[in-house]
Amino acid sequence: MQVQTLAGRARQVCPQCNWILYRNPIPVVAALVERGDEILLLKRRNEPLRGFWAPPTGYVEWDESAAQAAARETLEETGFEIQVDALDSVHSRANVGILFIVYRAHLVGGRAQLSDEVEEITFCAPRHFPPQPPTHADAPLDKFFLETLASLDYSSSQRKS
């Protein structure tokens, strides 16, 4: 690979085939799953954010939409089936590599079932969220996720239809 300036940006290009390496952010989804005035939270078992409370979150796969990914990740991580209601917000930051897409959703079925990624599952009112542990990683991705999670409006009155 060699570096060339294309469209005003330095990009890596293969000198044999002229293939351009674009460094695009990876889409990650989260589901703010409402049950009455409570939100579904899980305590993460793995990095990033091991030990932190967060909504169900995961990567969008090639063969699904972002909303489908939010429903799949919720089912995989918690055992709950959801209906995605609306896009809530989109978050990004330069040099983190993640495009964080947040959806509002509500519970339609299933039962709590821990996955190997989850230590604990709870529903709680936003004003009674479990305390977060002290930050244990100084990685830009962890900081971005923590700041984004803290900035979300978890109140059910914000549900968009």
Foldseek 3Di string as FASTA:
>chain_A
DDWDQDPNDTWDADPPPRDTDDQAAFEKEFEQEDDPQWTKWFQWCDPPQHRFIDGQMGGDDPPDDRQVVNQVSNCQAFQWGKDFQAWDDWDDDPPQRYIYTYTYIYTDDTHGDHHPGTDDMDIDHPVPDDDGDPDDDPDPNSVRVVVVRVPDDSGPVSHDD
